[in-house]
Amino acid sequence: MARVQEKRFKIIPEMEGRQARWYAAQRRSGGQMAAYRARARELAAGLPPGAGVLEVAPGPGYLAAELARLGLSVTAVDVSRTMVEIATEHARGEGVAVDVRQGDVADLALQSSSFDLVVCQAAFKNFTEPVRALDEMHRVLRTGGTAVIEDLSAEASAGDIAAEVAGMRLSAPNALLTRVALRFLRRRAYRAERFLALAAESRFGAAEIATHGVGVVVTLRR
């Protein structure tokens, strides 16, 4: 029997223009760039030099650039034209090579079995076809590869969100806007058990879940 793919109504448009550039500026404030560097090292641990990495919905491309700095072959695919421009500009400014493309996670124009690692940060909750997105991640992974999804948890409390935003060290107006945005986005976010159910419906079949602060980390292995 054919599987029925879950679809979600799209209520959040892709970030373009001034909105995208505002978001990019907020994501590099305070100690966030150091956090990207640290997370890149964690994700790259165990990967051989030149391993293929795909970042889905990279936004401004800060993590993708840090992964490339570690000697990995990085491709980044985002549906937003502005984010593609920002990520390309950032990689060029950092002197690293990232192949940044515009595309849809539900229909990646990439060869099957091309990557050792797929990463998706802060975007999965917005995908309109989550199981199809997981299937595409599975398709482009090599056998033995891993996909890591990091996103806002539906179980994040108001206190968790306030602490997360405080760590960004934003201006007072931008901190307020960010708190409001995260509380709104929490309505679209998934609980851990829903992530497990989506993984079970996908070609991965299973997932490992860890939660901390406002976030959930989902690890899927091919």
C-alpha atoms as a PDB file:
ATOM      1  CA  MET A   1       0.000   0.000   0.000  1.00  0.00           C
ATOM      2  CA  ALA A   2       1.354   3.429  -0.931  1.00  0.00           C
ATOM      3  CA  ARG A   3       2.282   5.708   1.930  1.00  0.00           C
ATOM      4  CA  VAL A   4       0.270   8.871   2.504  1.00  0.00           C
ATOM      5  CA  GLN A   5       2.668  11.790   2.730  1.00  0.00           C
ATOM      6  CA  GLU A   6       1.838  14.351   5.409  1.00  0.00           C
ATOM      7  CA  LYS A   7       1.359  17.886   4.111  1.00  0.00           C
ATOM      8  CA  ARG A   8       1.223  21.026   6.202  1.00  0.00           C
ATOM      9  CA  PHE A   9      -0.361  24.317   5.293  1.00  0.00           C
ATOM     10  CA  LYS A  10       2.195  26.966   4.455  1.00  0.00           C
ATOM     11  CA  ILE A  11       1.673  29.970   6.693  1.00  0.00           C
ATOM     12  CA  ILE A  12       5.193  31.383   6.684  1.00  0.00           C
ATOM     13  CA  PRO A  13       6.603  32.733   3.394  1.00  0.00           C
ATOM     14  CA  GLU A  14      10.272  32.349   2.546  1.00  0.00           C
ATOM     15  CA  MET A  15      12.391  35.128   3.999  1.00  0.00           C
ATOM     16  CA  GLU A  16      13.446  37.519   1.283  1.00  0.00           C
ATOM     17  CA  GLY A  17      14.887  41.012   1.004  1.00  0.00           C
ATOM     18  CA  ARG A  18      15.155  43.162   4.137  1.00  0.00           C
ATOM     19  CA  GLN A  19      13.577  40.510   6.355  1.00  0.00           C
ATOM     20  CA  ALA A  20      16.212  37.954   5.348  1.00  0.00           C
ATOM     21  CA  ARG A  21      19.052  40.402   5.895  1.00  0.00           C
ATOM     22  CA  TRP A  22      17.643  41.401   9.311  1.00  0.00           C
ATOM     23  CA  TYR A  23      17.508  37.729  10.300  1.00  0.00           C
ATOM     24  CA  ALA A  24      21.069  37.168   9.088  1.00  0.00           C
ATOM     25  CA  ALA A  25      22.288  40.071  11.219  1.00  0.00           C
ATOM     26  CA  GLN A  26      20.579  38.728  14.352  1.00  0.00           C
ATOM     27  CA  ARG A  27      22.083  35.256  13.844  1.00  0.00           C
ATOM     28  CA  ARG A  28      25.674  36.522  14.022  1.00  0.00           C
ATOM     29  CA  SER A  29      25.389  38.644  17.164  1.00  0.00           C
ATOM     30  CA  GLY A  30      26.951  37.912  20.539  1.00  0.00           C
ATOM     31  CA  GLY A  31      28.660  34.545  20.753  1.00  0.00           C
ATOM     32  CA  GLN A  32      26.630  32.921  18.010  1.00  0.00           C
ATOM     33  CA  MET A  33      29.477  32.736  15.493  1.00  0.00           C
ATOM     34  CA  ALA A  34      31.611  30.918  18.061  1.00  0.00           C
ATOM     35  CA  ALA A  35      28.697  28.530  18.590  1.00  0.00           C
ATOM     36  CA  TYR A  36      28.567  27.832  14.839  1.00  0.00           C
ATOM     37  CA  ARG A  37      32.291  27.050  14.839  1.00  0.00           C
ATOM     38  CA  ALA A  38      31.942  24.727  17.814  1.00  0.00           C
ATOM     39  CA  ARG A  39      28.944  22.938  16.326  1.00  0.00           C
ATOM     40  CA  ALA A  40      30.753  22.519  13.007  1.00  0.00           C
ATOM     41  CA  ARG A  41      33.620  20.774  14.799  1.00  0.00           C
ATOM     42  CA  GLU A  42      31.171  18.448  16.563  1.00  0.00           C
ATOM     43  CA  LEU A  43      29.368  17.573  13.338  1.00  0.00           C
ATOM     44  CA  ALA A  44      32.633  17.018  11.444  1.00  0.00           C
ATOM     45  CA  ALA A  45      34.090  14.709  14.066  1.00  0.00           C
ATOM     46  CA  GLY A  46      34.735  11.321  12.473  1.00  0.00           C
ATOM     47  CA  LEU A  47      34.265  12.511   8.899  1.00  0.00           C
ATOM     48  CA  PRO A  48      37.254  12.066   6.558  1.00  0.00           C
ATOM     49  CA  PRO A  49      38.809  15.121   4.876  1.00  0.00           C
ATOM     50  CA  GLY A  50      36.780  16.145   1.849  1.00  0.00           C
ATOM     51  CA  ALA A  51      33.656  14.316   3.000  1.00  0.00           C
ATOM     52  CA  GLY A  52      30.480  15.511   1.324  1.00  0.00           C
ATOM     53  CA  VAL A  53      28.145  17.597   3.486  1.00  0.00           C
ATOM     54  CA  LEU A  54      24.765  19.031   2.524  1.00  0.00           C
ATOM     55  CA  GLU A  55      23.145  21.758   4.580  1.00  0.00           C
ATOM     56  CA  VAL A  56      19.434  22.074   3.868  1.00  0.00           C
ATOM     57  CA  ALA A  57      17.944  25.546   4.429  1.00  0.00           C
ATOM     58  CA  PRO A  58      21.276  27.090   5.526  1.00  0.00           C
ATOM     59  CA  GLY A  59      19.860  30.594   5.854  1.00  0.00           C
ATOM     60  CA  PRO A  60      22.822  32.997   5.931  1.00  0.00           C
ATOM     61  CA  GLY A  61      25.235  30.087   5.616  1.00  0.00           C
ATOM     62  CA  TYR A  62      27.237  30.578   8.800  1.00  0.00           C
ATOM     63  CA  LEU A  63      27.347  26.879   9.706  1.00  0.00           C
ATOM     64  CA  ALA A  64      28.037  25.854   6.099  1.00  0.00           C
ATOM     65  CA  ALA A  65      31.068  28.168   5.968  1.00  0.00           C
ATOM     66  CA  GLU A  66      32.449  26.762   9.221  1.00  0.00           C
ATOM     67  CA  LEU A  67      32.041  23.195   7.940  1.00  0.00           C
ATOM     68  CA  ALA A  68      33.885  24.153   4.736  1.00  0.00           C
ATOM     69  CA  ARG A  69      36.657  25.722   6.827  1.00  0.00           C
ATOM     70  CA  LEU A  70      37.273  22.278   8.292  1.00  0.00           C
ATOM     71  CA  GLY A  71      38.133  20.846   4.870  1.00  0.00           C
ATOM     72  CA  LEU A  72      34.745  19.338   4.032  1.00  0.00           C
ATOM     73  CA  SER A  73      33.055  19.559   0.616  1.00  0.00           C
ATOM     74  CA  VAL A  74      29.927  21.562   1.425  1.00  0.00           C
ATOM     75  CA  THR A  75      26.773  22.103  -0.614  1.00  0.00           C
ATOM     76  CA  ALA A  76      23.949  24.296   0.701  1.00  0.00           C
ATOM     77  CA  VAL A  77      20.396  24.450  -0.678  1.00  0.00           C
ATOM     78  CA  ASP A  78      17.879  27.131   0.336  1.00  0.00           C
ATOM     79  CA  VAL A  79      14.508  28.052  -1.171  1.00  0.00           C
ATOM     80  CA  SER A  80      15.073  31.792  -0.534  1.00  0.00           C
ATOM     81  CA  ARG A  81      16.871  33.712  -3.273  1.00  0.00           C
ATOM     82  CA  THR A  82      18.052  36.308  -0.766  1.00  0.00           C
ATOM     83  CA  MET A  83      19.448  33.685   1.584  1.00  0.00           C
ATOM     84  CA  VAL A  84      21.341  32.117  -1.330  1.00  0.00           C
ATOM     85  CA  GLU A  85      22.864  35.536  -2.010  1.00  0.00           C
ATOM     86  CA  ILE A  86      23.732  36.111   1.661  1.00  0.00           C
ATOM     87  CA  ALA A  87      25.254  32.642   2.108  1.00  0.00           C
ATOM     88  CA  THR A  88      27.291  33.021  -1.086  1.00  0.00           C
ATOM     89  CA  GLU A  89      28.544  36.450   0.025  1.00  0.00           C
ATOM     90  CA  HIS A  90      29.431  35.131   3.476  1.00  0.00           C
ATOM     91  CA  ALA A  91      31.386  32.130   2.168  1.00  0.00           C
ATOM     92  CA  ARG A  92      33.282  34.355  -0.265  1.00  0.00           C
ATOM     93  CA  GLY A  93      34.098  36.816   2.500  1.00  0.00           C
ATOM     94  CA  GLU A  94      35.368  34.010   4.715  1.00  0.00           C
ATOM     95  CA  GLY A  95      37.529  32.627   1.914  1.00  0.00           C
ATOM     96  CA  VAL A  96      35.902  29.197   1.885  1.00  0.00           C
ATOM     97  CA  ALA A  97      34.211  27.207  -0.878  1.00  0.00           C
ATOM     98  CA  VAL A  98      30.505  26.465  -0.407  1.00  0.00           C
ATOM     99  CA  ASP A  99      28.334  25.424  -3.351  1.00  0.00           C
ATOM    100  CA  VAL A 100      25.184  27.434  -2.553  1.00  0.00           C
ATOM    101  CA  ARG A 101      22.087  26.680  -4.642  1.00  0.00           C
ATOM    102  CA  GLN A 102      18.442  27.644  -4.673  1.00  0.00           C
ATOM    103  CA  GLY A 103      16.132  24.654  -4.346  1.00  0.00           C
ATOM    104  CA  ASP A 104      13.358  22.846  -2.518  1.00  0.00           C
ATOM    105  CA  VAL A 105      14.095  20.224   0.143  1.00  0.00           C
ATOM    106  CA  ALA A 106      11.122  18.181  -1.067  1.00  0.00           C
ATOM    107  CA  ASP A 107      12.699  17.851  -4.519  1.00  0.00           C
ATOM    108  CA  LEU A 108      16.472  18.216  -4.283  1.00  0.00           C
ATOM    109  CA  ALA A 109      18.200  18.526  -7.651  1.00  0.00           C
ATOM    110  CA  LEU A 110      21.127  16.483  -6.351  1.00  0.00           C
ATOM    111  CA  GLN A 111      22.457  13.046  -7.183  1.00  0.00           C
ATOM    112  CA  SER A 112      21.512  10.131  -4.965  1.00  0.00           C
ATOM    113  CA  SER A 113      24.133   8.785  -2.531  1.00  0.00           C
ATOM    114  CA  SER A 114      26.238  11.965  -2.770  1.00  0.00           C
ATOM    115  CA  PHE A 115      26.739  13.019   0.861  1.00  0.00           C
ATOM    116  CA  ASP A 116      28.138  11.630   4.097  1.00  0.00           C
ATOM    117  CA  LEU A 117      26.237  14.123   6.270  1.00  0.00           C
ATOM    118  CA  VAL A 118      23.061  16.150   5.857  1.00  0.00           C
ATOM    119  CA  VAL A 119      22.374  18.984   8.310  1.00  0.00           C
ATOM    120  CA  CYS A 120      19.230  21.061   8.782  1.00  0.00           C
ATOM    121  CA  GLN A 121      19.044  23.769  11.444  1.00  0.00           C
ATOM    122  CA  ALA A 122      16.009  25.818  12.547  1.00  0.00           C
ATOM    123  CA  ALA A 123      13.977  25.098   9.403  1.00  0.00           C
ATOM    124  CA  PHE A 124      12.330  21.670   9.518  1.00  0.00           C
ATOM    125  CA  LYS A 125       9.185  22.962  11.253  1.00  0.00           C
ATOM    126  CA  ASN A 126       8.483  25.126   8.194  1.00  0.00           C
ATOM    127  CA  PHE A 127       8.662  22.343   5.605  1.00  0.00           C
ATOM    128  CA  THR A 128       5.263  21.719   4.043  1.00  0.00           C
ATOM    129  CA  GLU A 129       6.014  18.055   3.255  1.00  0.00           C
ATOM    130  CA  PRO A 130       8.110  16.796   6.180  1.00  0.00           C
ATOM    131  CA  VAL A 131       8.144  13.096   5.288  1.00  0.00           C
ATOM    132  CA  ARG A 132       9.052  13.840   1.687  1.00  0.00           C
ATOM    133  CA  ALA A 133      11.841  16.105   2.965  1.00  0.00           C
ATOM    134  CA  LEU A 134      13.164  13.237   5.087  1.00  0.00           C
ATOM    135  CA  ASP A 135      12.953  10.893   2.110  1.00  0.00           C
ATOM    136  CA  GLU A 136      15.013  13.313   0.021  1.00  0.00           C
ATOM    137  CA  MET A 137      17.638  13.576   2.766  1.00  0.00           C
ATOM    138  CA  HIS A 138      17.762   9.774   2.854  1.00  0.00           C
ATOM    139  CA  ARG A 139      18.100   9.579  -0.931  1.00  0.00           C
ATOM    140  CA  VAL A 140      21.095  11.901  -1.176  1.00  0.00           C
ATOM    141  CA  LEU A 141      22.937  10.253   1.715  1.00  0.00           C
ATOM    142  CA  ARG A 142      25.482   7.541   1.098  1.00  0.00           C
ATOM    143  CA  THR A 143      24.982   4.225   2.855  1.00  0.00           C
ATOM    144  CA  GLY A 144      26.242   4.719   6.405  1.00  0.00           C
ATOM    145  CA  GLY A 145      25.607   8.473   6.233  1.00  0.00           C
ATOM    146  CA  THR A 146      23.825  10.547   8.854  1.00  0.00           C
ATOM    147  CA  ALA A 147      21.238  13.317   8.816  1.00  0.00           C
ATOM    148  CA  VAL A 148      21.062  15.729  11.761  1.00  0.00           C
ATOM    149  CA  ILE A 149      18.037  17.978  12.229  1.00  0.00           C
ATOM    150  CA  GLU A 150      18.222  20.692  14.890  1.00  0.00           C
ATOM    151  CA  ASP A 151      15.128  22.771  15.504  1.00  0.00           C
ATOM    152  CA  LEU A 152      12.915  24.535  17.992  1.00  0.00           C
ATOM    153  CA  SER A 153      11.027  22.118  20.225  1.00  0.00           C
ATOM    154  CA  ALA A 154       7.273  22.426  20.691  1.00  0.00           C
ATOM    155  CA  GLU A 155       7.985  21.739  24.358  1.00  0.00           C
ATOM    156  CA  ALA A 156      10.232  24.791  24.824  1.00  0.00           C
ATOM    157  CA  SER A 157       8.952  26.960  27.663  1.00  0.00           C
ATOM    158  CA  ALA A 158       8.737  30.741  27.711  1.00  0.00           C
ATOM    159  CA  GLY A 159      11.687  30.666  30.118  1.00  0.00           C
ATOM    160  CA  ASP A 160      13.697  28.516  27.695  1.00  0.00           C
ATOM    161  CA  ILE A 161      13.005  30.988  24.894  1.00  0.00           C
ATOM    162  CA  ALA A 162      13.929  33.981  27.067  1.00  0.00           C
ATOM    163  CA  ALA A 163      17.228  32.335  28.054  1.00  0.00           C
ATOM    164  CA  GLU A 164      18.028  31.478  24.433  1.00  0.00           C
ATOM    165  CA  VAL A 165      17.412  35.041  23.262  1.00  0.00           C
ATOM    166  CA  ALA A 166      19.403  36.500  26.175  1.00  0.00           C
ATOM    167  CA  GLY A 167      22.402  34.480  24.995  1.00  0.00           C
ATOM    168  CA  MET A 168      22.205  36.138  21.575  1.00  0.00           C
ATOM    169  CA  ARG A 169      22.999  39.543  23.141  1.00  0.00           C
ATOM    170  CA  LEU A 170      20.653  41.456  20.860  1.00  0.00           C
ATOM    171  CA  SER A 171      19.509  45.034  21.227  1.00  0.00           C
ATOM    172  CA  ALA A 172      16.351  45.408  23.341  1.00  0.00           C
ATOM    173  CA  PRO A 173      14.013  45.914  20.329  1.00  0.00           C
ATOM    174  CA  ASN A 174      15.530  43.005  18.405  1.00  0.00           C
ATOM    175  CA  ALA A 175      15.437  40.763  21.481  1.00  0.00           C
ATOM    176  CA  LEU A 176      11.731  41.482  21.875  1.00  0.00           C
ATOM    177  CA  LEU A 177      11.057  40.754  18.198  1.00  0.00           C
ATOM    178  CA  THR A 178      13.036  37.512  18.413  1.00  0.00           C
ATOM    179  CA  ARG A 179      11.194  36.313  21.521  1.00  0.00           C
ATOM    180  CA  VAL A 180       7.843  37.020  19.870  1.00  0.00           C
ATOM    181  CA  ALA A 181       8.936  35.232  16.680  1.00  0.00           C
ATOM    182  CA  LEU A 182      10.114  32.143  18.574  1.00  0.00           C
ATOM    183  CA  ARG A 183       6.883  31.936  20.572  1.00  0.00           C
ATOM    184  CA  PHE A 184       4.944  32.102  17.306  1.00  0.00           C
ATOM    185  CA  LEU A 185       7.159  29.517  15.596  1.00  0.00           C
ATOM    186  CA  ARG A 186       6.811  27.176  18.579  1.00  0.00           C
ATOM    187  CA  ARG A 187       3.243  26.555  17.395  1.00  0.00           C
ATOM    188  CA  ARG A 188       4.631  24.972  14.220  1.00  0.00           C
ATOM    189  CA  ALA A 189       7.389  23.044  15.968  1.00  0.00           C
ATOM    190  CA  TYR A 190       7.273  19.320  16.681  1.00  0.00           C
ATOM    191  CA  ARG A 191       7.332  17.376  19.902  1.00  0.00           C
ATOM    192  CA  ALA A 192       9.923  14.613  20.192  1.00  0.00           C
ATOM    193  CA  GLU A 193       7.331  11.884  19.744  1.00  0.00           C
ATOM    194  CA  ARG A 194       6.078  13.470  16.516  1.00  0.00           C
ATOM    195  CA  PHE A 195       9.604  13.539  15.130  1.00  0.00           C
ATOM    196  CA  LEU A 196       9.860   9.821  15.893  1.00  0.00           C
ATOM    197  CA  ALA A 197       6.585   9.206  14.078  1.00  0.00           C
ATOM    198  CA  LEU A 198       7.714  11.186  11.028  1.00  0.00           C
ATOM    199  CA  ALA A 199      10.995   9.262  10.944  1.00  0.00           C
ATOM    200  CA  ALA A 200       9.084   5.988  11.111  1.00  0.00           C
ATOM    201  CA  GLU A 201       6.969   7.060   8.112  1.00  0.00           C
ATOM    202  CA  SER A 202      10.086   8.000   6.129  1.00  0.00           C
ATOM    203  CA  ARG A 203      12.705   5.851   4.431  1.00  0.00           C
ATOM    204  CA  PHE A 204      14.916   6.231   7.505  1.00  0.00           C
ATOM    205  CA  GLY A 205      12.444   4.214   9.553  1.00  0.00           C
ATOM    206  CA  ALA A 206      13.759   5.421  12.919  1.00  0.00           C
ATOM    207  CA  ALA A 207      15.515   8.306  14.652  1.00  0.00           C
ATOM    208  CA  GLU A 208      17.379   9.201  17.820  1.00  0.00           C
ATOM    209  CA  ILE A 209      16.119  12.232  19.753  1.00  0.00           C
ATOM    210  CA  ALA A 210      17.846  14.527  22.219  1.00  0.00           C
ATOM    211  CA  THR A 211      16.440  17.734  23.706  1.00  0.00           C
ATOM    212  CA  HIS A 212      18.155  20.657  25.384  1.00  0.00           C
ATOM    213  CA  GLY A 213      16.969  24.179  26.137  1.00  0.00           C
ATOM    214  CA  VAL A 214      14.670  25.377  23.375  1.00  0.00           C
ATOM    215  CA  GLY A 215      15.871  22.771  20.920  1.00  0.00           C
ATOM    216  CA  VAL A 216      15.526  19.224  19.757  1.00  0.00           C
ATOM    217  CA  VAL A 217      18.258  17.285  17.902  1.00  0.00           C
ATOM    218  CA  VAL A 218      17.112  14.463  15.631  1.00  0.00           C
ATOM    219  CA  THR A 219      19.718  12.019  14.314  1.00  0.00           C
ATOM    220  CA  LEU A 220      18.782   9.729  11.439  1.00  0.00           C
ATOM    221  CA  ARG A 221      21.061   7.104   9.929  1.00  0.00           C
ATOM    222  CA  ARG A 222      20.955   5.526   6.511  1.00  0.00           C
END
